[in-house]
Amino acid sequence: MENYISEVKETLENTELICLSRWDKTVQLYYKKYGKYFVCVVVKMENSTGFLITTYLTAKIKVGEELWRK
C-alpha cells in the first residue's frame, strides 16, 4: 500500500461507505472505490478517537453492519 498513500488519505477524507467489523465492534472499515477496486482503511475506535490498524485493496466489501453510506 506504500504506493497508495494519497488514496488512503482520500478514503478517510471522502469515505463512500463505513461498515462495522463483524468480529470487533470497536473496529470500523472505511471504503472508497478506485477503478475496479476499493481501498479499505481499517480504524480502531477508542475513547472517541481512532487509530489506523491497516489498509488494503479489495474487490469486495466485507460483510458487516453498514454505519454510513454517501
PDB file of N, CA and C in Angstrom:
ATOM      1  N   MET A   1       0.816  -1.194   0.000  1.00  0.00           N
ATOM      2  CA  MET A   1       0.000   0.000   0.000  1.00  0.00           C
ATOM      3  C   MET A   1       0.864   1.265   0.000  1.00  0.00           C
ATOM      4  N   GLU A   2       2.155   1.086   0.007  1.00  0.00           N
ATOM      5  CA  GLU A   2       3.061   2.236   0.008  1.00  0.00           C
ATOM      6  C   GLU A   2       2.783   3.175  -1.164  1.00  0.00           C
ATOM      7  N   ASN A   3       2.375   2.647  -2.298  1.00  0.00           N
ATOM      8  CA  ASN A   3       2.103   3.463  -3.481  1.00  0.00           C
ATOM      9  C   ASN A   3       0.708   4.075  -3.472  1.00  0.00           C
ATOM     10  N   TYR A   4      -0.056   3.855  -2.415  1.00  0.00           N
ATOM     11  CA  TYR A   4      -1.444   4.316  -2.337  1.00  0.00           C
ATOM     12  C   TYR A   4      -1.688   5.277  -1.169  1.00  0.00           C
ATOM     13  N   ILE A   5      -0.652   5.973  -0.713  1.00  0.00           N
ATOM     14  CA  ILE A   5      -0.796   6.874   0.438  1.00  0.00           C
ATOM     15  C   ILE A   5      -1.850   7.940   0.181  1.00  0.00           C
ATOM     16  N   SER A   6      -1.851   8.550  -0.999  1.00  0.00           N
ATOM     17  CA  SER A   6      -2.846   9.596  -1.284  1.00  0.00           C
ATOM     18  C   SER A   6      -4.258   9.012  -1.340  1.00  0.00           C
ATOM     19  N   GLU A   7      -4.408   7.793  -1.836  1.00  0.00           N
ATOM     20  CA  GLU A   7      -5.724   7.148  -1.875  1.00  0.00           C
ATOM     21  C   GLU A   7      -6.224   6.814  -0.467  1.00  0.00           C
ATOM     22  N   VAL A   8      -5.314   6.419   0.418  1.00  0.00           N
ATOM     23  CA  VAL A   8      -5.689   6.139   1.803  1.00  0.00           C
ATOM     24  C   VAL A   8      -6.184   7.414   2.470  1.00  0.00           C
ATOM     25  N   LYS A   9      -5.462   8.513   2.302  1.00  0.00           N
ATOM     26  CA  LYS A   9      -5.893   9.804   2.858  1.00  0.00           C
ATOM     27  C   LYS A   9      -7.243  10.217   2.284  1.00  0.00           C
ATOM     28  N   GLU A  10      -7.394  10.073   0.975  1.00  0.00           N
ATOM     29  CA  GLU A  10      -8.650  10.432   0.315  1.00  0.00           C
ATOM     30  C   GLU A  10      -9.809   9.561   0.806  1.00  0.00           C
ATOM     31  N   THR A  11      -9.540   8.291   1.059  1.00  0.00           N
ATOM     32  CA  THR A  11     -10.565   7.385   1.569  1.00  0.00           C
ATOM     33  C   THR A  11     -11.061   7.862   2.933  1.00  0.00           C
ATOM     34  N   LEU A  12     -10.161   8.292   3.797  1.00  0.00           N
ATOM     35  CA  LEU A  12     -10.565   8.787   5.110  1.00  0.00           C
ATOM     36  C   LEU A  12     -11.269  10.142   5.030  1.00  0.00           C
ATOM     37  N   GLU A  13     -10.849  10.988   4.111  1.00  0.00           N
ATOM     38  CA  GLU A  13     -11.431  12.327   3.983  1.00  0.00           C
ATOM     39  C   GLU A  13     -12.761  12.321   3.232  1.00  0.00           C
ATOM     40  N   ASN A  14     -12.926  11.426   2.270  1.00  0.00           N
ATOM     41  CA  ASN A  14     -14.123  11.377   1.426  1.00  0.00           C
ATOM     42  C   ASN A  14     -14.646   9.949   1.318  1.00  0.00           C
ATOM     43  N   THR A  15     -14.919   9.367   2.443  1.00  0.00           N
ATOM     44  CA  THR A  15     -15.384   7.986   2.523  1.00  0.00           C
ATOM     45  C   THR A  15     -16.699   7.802   1.772  1.00  0.00           C
ATOM     46  N   GLU A  16     -16.832   6.679   1.095  1.00  0.00           N
ATOM     47  CA  GLU A  16     -18.094   6.336   0.426  1.00  0.00           C
ATOM     48  C   GLU A  16     -18.946   5.414   1.283  1.00  0.00           C
ATOM     49  N   LEU A  17     -18.301   4.609   2.141  1.00  0.00           N
ATOM     50  CA  LEU A  17     -19.022   3.631   2.952  1.00  0.00           C
ATOM     51  C   LEU A  17     -18.221   3.337   4.218  1.00  0.00           C
ATOM     52  N   ILE A  18     -18.927   3.261   5.361  1.00  0.00           N
ATOM     53  CA  ILE A  18     -18.317   2.839   6.618  1.00  0.00           C
ATOM     54  C   ILE A  18     -19.101   1.639   7.138  1.00  0.00           C
ATOM     55  N   CYS A  19     -18.386   0.564   7.434  1.00  0.00           N
ATOM     56  CA  CYS A  19     -19.000  -0.644   7.988  1.00  0.00           C
ATOM     57  C   CYS A  19     -18.357  -0.968   9.327  1.00  0.00           C
ATOM     58  N   LEU A  20     -19.120  -1.632  10.158  1.00  0.00           N
ATOM     59  CA  LEU A  20     -18.635  -2.102  11.453  1.00  0.00           C
ATOM     60  C   LEU A  20     -18.116  -3.517  11.277  1.00  0.00           C
ATOM     61  N   SER A  21     -16.967  -3.796  11.869  1.00  0.00           N
ATOM     62  CA  SER A  21     -16.397  -5.138  11.805  1.00  0.00           C
ATOM     63  C   SER A  21     -17.344  -6.148  12.446  1.00  0.00           C
ATOM     64  N   ARG A  22     -17.436  -7.325  11.865  1.00  0.00           N
ATOM     65  CA  ARG A  22     -18.250  -8.395  12.452  1.00  0.00           C
ATOM     66  C   ARG A  22     -17.590  -8.972  13.685  1.00  0.00           C
ATOM     67  N   TRP A  23     -16.279  -8.852  13.787  1.00  0.00           N
ATOM     68  CA  TRP A  23     -15.531  -9.518  14.850  1.00  0.00           C
ATOM     69  C   TRP A  23     -15.212  -8.608  16.024  1.00  0.00           C
ATOM     70  N   ASP A  24     -15.074  -7.320  15.775  1.00  0.00           N
ATOM     71  CA  ASP A  24     -14.697  -6.376  16.832  1.00  0.00           C
ATOM     72  C   ASP A  24     -15.518  -5.106  16.644  1.00  0.00           C
ATOM     73  N   LYS A  25     -16.424  -4.848  17.549  1.00  0.00           N
ATOM     74  CA  LYS A  25     -17.354  -3.721  17.411  1.00  0.00           C
ATOM     75  C   LYS A  25     -16.685  -2.368  17.608  1.00  0.00           C
ATOM     76  N   THR A  26     -15.394  -2.354  17.958  1.00  0.00           N
ATOM     77  CA  THR A  26     -14.665  -1.088  18.045  1.00  0.00           C
ATOM     78  C   THR A  26     -13.884  -0.798  16.764  1.00  0.00           C
ATOM     79  N   VAL A  27     -14.029  -1.666  15.763  1.00  0.00           N
ATOM     80  CA  VAL A  27     -13.297  -1.509  14.505  1.00  0.00           C
ATOM     81  C   VAL A  27     -14.263  -1.134  13.387  1.00  0.00           C
ATOM     82  N   GLN A  28     -13.879  -0.083  12.647  1.00  0.00           N
ATOM     83  CA  GLN A  28     -14.674   0.379  11.511  1.00  0.00           C
ATOM     84  C   GLN A  28     -13.847   0.261  10.235  1.00  0.00           C
ATOM     85  N   LEU A  29     -14.525  -0.069   9.127  1.00  0.00           N
ATOM     86  CA  LEU A  29     -13.875  -0.211   7.830  1.00  0.00           C
ATOM     87  C   LEU A  29     -14.380   0.892   6.907  1.00  0.00           C
ATOM     88  N   TYR A  30     -13.466   1.721   6.432  1.00  0.00           N
ATOM     89  CA  TYR A  30     -13.771   2.850   5.555  1.00  0.00           C
ATOM     90  C   TYR A  30     -13.431   2.455   4.130  1.00  0.00           C
ATOM     91  N   TYR A  31     -14.390   2.630   3.217  1.00  0.00           N
ATOM     92  CA  TYR A  31     -14.208   2.211   1.825  1.00  0.00           C
ATOM     93  C   TYR A  31     -14.360   3.372   0.857  1.00  0.00           C
ATOM     94  N   LYS A  32     -13.555   3.350  -0.192  1.00  0.00           N
ATOM     95  CA  LYS A  32     -13.710   4.256  -1.331  1.00  0.00           C
ATOM     96  C   LYS A  32     -13.270   3.489  -2.572  1.00  0.00           C
ATOM     97  N   LYS A  33     -14.059   3.620  -3.633  1.00  0.00           N
ATOM     98  CA  LYS A  33     -13.785   2.881  -4.876  1.00  0.00           C
ATOM     99  C   LYS A  33     -12.809   3.647  -5.765  1.00  0.00           C
ATOM    100  N   TYR A  34     -11.840   2.914  -6.289  1.00  0.00           N
ATOM    101  CA  TYR A  34     -10.856   3.432  -7.249  1.00  0.00           C
ATOM    102  C   TYR A  34     -10.793   2.426  -8.385  1.00  0.00           C
ATOM    103  N   GLY A  35     -11.391   2.769  -9.516  1.00  0.00           N
ATOM    104  CA  GLY A  35     -11.433   1.828 -10.631  1.00  0.00           C
ATOM    105  C   GLY A  35     -12.265   0.620 -10.272  1.00  0.00           C
ATOM    106  N   LYS A  36     -11.704  -0.578 -10.432  1.00  0.00           N
ATOM    107  CA  LYS A  36     -12.458  -1.791 -10.119  1.00  0.00           C
ATOM    108  C   LYS A  36     -12.221  -2.295  -8.697  1.00  0.00           C
ATOM    109  N   TYR A  37     -11.400  -1.580  -7.918  1.00  0.00           N
ATOM    110  CA  TYR A  37     -11.092  -1.979  -6.547  1.00  0.00           C
ATOM    111  C   TYR A  37     -11.515  -0.920  -5.534  1.00  0.00           C
ATOM    112  N   PHE A  38     -11.653  -1.352  -4.298  1.00  0.00           N
ATOM    113  CA  PHE A  38     -11.889  -0.456  -3.180  1.00  0.00           C
ATOM    114  C   PHE A  38     -10.608  -0.370  -2.355  1.00  0.00           C
ATOM    115  N   VAL A  39     -10.317   0.826  -1.868  1.00  0.00           N
ATOM    116  CA  VAL A  39      -9.329   0.950  -0.803  1.00  0.00           C
ATOM    117  C   VAL A  39     -10.112   0.810   0.488  1.00  0.00           C
ATOM    118  N   CYS A  40      -9.652  -0.055   1.381  1.00  0.00           N
ATOM    119  CA  CYS A  40     -10.263  -0.236   2.692  1.00  0.00           C
ATOM    120  C   CYS A  40      -9.262   0.215   3.744  1.00  0.00           C
ATOM    121  N   VAL A  41      -9.712   1.133   4.603  1.00  0.00           N
ATOM    122  CA  VAL A  41      -8.893   1.604   5.713  1.00  0.00           C
ATOM    123  C   VAL A  41      -9.567   1.110   6.989  1.00  0.00           C
ATOM    124  N   VAL A  42      -8.842   0.334   7.767  1.00  0.00           N
ATOM    125  CA  VAL A  42      -9.379  -0.266   8.988  1.00  0.00           C
ATOM    126  C   VAL A  42      -8.934   0.587  10.178  1.00  0.00           C
ATOM    127  N   VAL A  43      -9.937   1.079  10.926  1.00  0.00           N
ATOM    128  CA  VAL A  43      -9.677   2.004  12.028  1.00  0.00           C
ATOM    129  C   VAL A  43     -10.271   1.448  13.316  1.00  0.00           C
ATOM    130  N   LYS A  44      -9.493   1.461  14.382  1.00  0.00           N
ATOM    131  CA  LYS A  44      -9.981   1.047  15.703  1.00  0.00           C
ATOM    132  C   LYS A  44     -10.355   2.306  16.473  1.00  0.00           C
ATOM    133  N   MET A  45     -11.581   2.333  17.002  1.00  0.00           N
ATOM    134  CA  MET A  45     -12.081   3.493  17.735  1.00  0.00           C
ATOM    135  C   MET A  45     -11.995   3.213  19.234  1.00  0.00           C
ATOM    136  N   GLU A  46     -11.330   4.113  19.959  1.00  0.00           N
ATOM    137  CA  GLU A  46     -11.225   4.009  21.411  1.00  0.00           C
ATOM    138  C   GLU A  46     -11.306   5.408  22.008  1.00  0.00           C
ATOM    139  N   ASN A  47     -12.183   5.587  22.990  1.00  0.00           N
ATOM    140  CA  ASN A  47     -12.300   6.863  23.700  1.00  0.00           C
ATOM    141  C   ASN A  47     -12.516   8.038  22.745  1.00  0.00           C
ATOM    142  N   SER A  48     -13.405   7.879  21.783  1.00  0.00           N
ATOM    143  CA  SER A  48     -13.770   8.918  20.809  1.00  0.00           C
ATOM    144  C   SER A  48     -12.640   9.293  19.853  1.00  0.00           C
ATOM    145  N   THR A  49     -11.563   8.532  19.837  1.00  0.00           N
ATOM    146  CA  THR A  49     -10.505   8.747  18.858  1.00  0.00           C
ATOM    147  C   THR A  49     -10.245   7.437  18.135  1.00  0.00           C
ATOM    148  N   GLY A  50      -9.629   7.535  16.988  1.00  0.00           N
ATOM    149  CA  GLY A  50      -9.356   6.335  16.216  1.00  0.00           C
ATOM    150  C   GLY A  50      -7.898   6.253  15.815  1.00  0.00           C
ATOM    151  N   PHE A  51      -7.438   5.043  15.560  1.00  0.00           N
ATOM    152  CA  PHE A  51      -6.112   4.878  15.001  1.00  0.00           C
ATOM    153  C   PHE A  51      -6.164   3.826  13.915  1.00  0.00           C
ATOM    154  N   LEU A  52      -5.357   4.038  12.901  1.00  0.00           N
ATOM    155  CA  LEU A  52      -5.336   3.177  11.732  1.00  0.00           C
ATOM    156  C   LEU A  52      -4.666   1.855  12.076  1.00  0.00           C
ATOM    157  N   ILE A  53      -5.361   0.768  11.772  1.00  0.00           N
ATOM    158  CA  ILE A  53      -4.803  -0.572  12.001  1.00  0.00           C
ATOM    159  C   ILE A  53      -4.083  -1.057  10.748  1.00  0.00           C
ATOM    160  N   THR A  54      -4.789  -0.999   9.605  1.00  0.00           N
ATOM    161  CA  THR A  54      -4.211  -1.480   8.348  1.00  0.00           C
ATOM    162  C   THR A  54      -5.005  -0.900   7.187  1.00  0.00           C
ATOM    163  N   THR A  55      -4.476  -1.073   5.994  1.00  0.00           N
ATOM    164  CA  THR A  55      -5.182  -0.712   4.761  1.00  0.00           C
ATOM    165  C   THR A  55      -4.944  -1.825   3.746  1.00  0.00           C
ATOM    166  N   TYR A  56      -5.884  -1.961   2.816  1.00  0.00           N
ATOM    167  CA  TYR A  56      -5.700  -2.964   1.764  1.00  0.00           C
ATOM    168  C   TYR A  56      -6.614  -2.661   0.588  1.00  0.00           C
ATOM    169  N   LEU A  57      -6.299  -3.250  -0.556  1.00  0.00           N
ATOM    170  CA  LEU A  57      -7.155  -3.189  -1.748  1.00  0.00           C
ATOM    171  C   LEU A  57      -8.027  -4.428  -1.758  1.00  0.00           C
ATOM    172  N   THR A  58      -9.278  -4.254  -2.177  1.00  0.00           N
ATOM    173  CA  THR A  58     -10.193  -5.388  -2.242  1.00  0.00           C
ATOM    174  C   THR A  58     -11.184  -5.178  -3.386  1.00  0.00           C
ATOM    175  N   ALA A  59     -11.648  -6.280  -3.942  1.00  0.00           N
ATOM    176  CA  ALA A  59     -12.667  -6.221  -4.988  1.00  0.00           C
ATOM    177  C   ALA A  59     -14.071  -6.255  -4.393  1.00  0.00           C
ATOM    178  N   LYS A  60     -14.174  -6.694  -3.121  1.00  0.00           N
ATOM    179  CA  LYS A  60     -15.475  -6.845  -2.472  1.00  0.00           C
ATOM    180  C   LYS A  60     -15.471  -6.180  -1.102  1.00  0.00           C
ATOM    181  N   ILE A  61     -16.618  -5.651  -0.734  1.00  0.00           N
ATOM    182  CA  ILE A  61     -16.800  -5.078   0.590  1.00  0.00           C
ATOM    183  C   ILE A  61     -17.085  -6.213   1.563  1.00  0.00           C
ATOM    184  N   LYS A  62     -16.432  -6.176   2.720  1.00  0.00           N
ATOM    185  CA  LYS A  62     -16.630  -7.206   3.742  1.00  0.00           C
ATOM    186  C   LYS A  62     -18.054  -7.145   4.291  1.00  0.00           C
ATOM    187  N   VAL A  63     -18.551  -8.280   4.722  1.00  0.00           N
ATOM    188  CA  VAL A  63     -19.872  -8.346   5.337  1.00  0.00           C
ATOM    189  C   VAL A  63     -19.773  -7.725   6.719  1.00  0.00           C
ATOM    190  N   GLY A  64     -20.710  -6.854   7.036  1.00  0.00           N
ATOM    191  CA  GLY A  64     -20.751  -6.210   8.349  1.00  0.00           C
ATOM    192  C   GLY A  64     -21.850  -5.179   8.365  1.00  0.00           C
ATOM    193  N   GLU A  65     -22.173  -4.689   9.534  1.00  0.00           N
ATOM    194  CA  GLU A  65     -23.231  -3.694   9.672  1.00  0.00           C
ATOM    195  C   GLU A  65     -22.801  -2.392   9.002  1.00  0.00           C
ATOM    196  N   GLU A  66     -23.655  -1.883   8.127  1.00  0.00           N
ATOM    197  CA  GLU A  66     -23.381  -0.626   7.459  1.00  0.00           C
ATOM    198  C   GLU A  66     -23.714   0.518   8.423  1.00  0.00           C
ATOM    199  N   LEU A  67     -22.710   1.371   8.675  1.00  0.00           N
ATOM    200  CA  LEU A  67     -22.906   2.508   9.575  1.00  0.00           C
ATOM    201  C   LEU A  67     -23.260   3.781   8.828  1.00  0.00           C
ATOM    202  N   TRP A  68     -22.694   3.945   7.631  1.00  0.00           N
ATOM    203  CA  TRP A  68     -22.892   5.180   6.863  1.00  0.00           C
ATOM    204  C   TRP A  68     -22.583   4.914   5.398  1.00  0.00           C
ATOM    205  N   ARG A  69     -23.350   5.565   4.513  1.00  0.00           N
ATOM    206  CA  ARG A  69     -23.117   5.466   3.065  1.00  0.00           C
ATOM    207  C   ARG A  69     -23.308   6.849   2.462  1.00  0.00           C
ATOM    208  N   LYS A  70     -22.423   7.215   1.565  1.00  0.00           N
ATOM    209  CA  LYS A  70     -22.500   8.505   0.877  1.00  0.00           C
ATOM    210  C   LYS A  70     -23.640   8.501  -0.112  1.00  0.00           C
TER     211      LYS A  70
END
